[in-house]
Amino acid sequence: MGGEQVKTNMKSRIKLSDRKVIQWLAIFASLTVITFSLIGDKGVIQLIALKQQKTDLKREIKELKQERKEWIYKIQSIKGNRSYVETIAREELGMIRDDEIVHPIPLDNE
């Protein structure tokens, strides 16, 4: 009887250690899956970053569309309105007419 009890104890030890190995393998596999789902190519972190990038690009597109409208308006104004061209030339380029004289006014810090 003593031999059978030793065999039974050995079997229960093997089963117990097999269970622990299986549990640890399951834990390791779970952690691996979770890690890759968070930081992998198609992970949650990557997904959040891509969504933010998409939002930023949509905002930039909206701003560029508005800027484009403004440029189209300016071009149409320049083509159809000679006085607008003169105003732009005076304000942005500092141009004057042939019959005008410029009187420079010194600034306080000069």
Foldseek 3Di string as FASTA:
>chain_A
DVVVVVVVVVVVVVVVVVVVVVVVVVVVVVVVVQVCQCPNPPHPVVVVVVVVVVVVVVVVVVVVVVVVVVVVVVVVCVVPPVVVVVVCCCVPVVDDDPPDDDDDDDDPVD
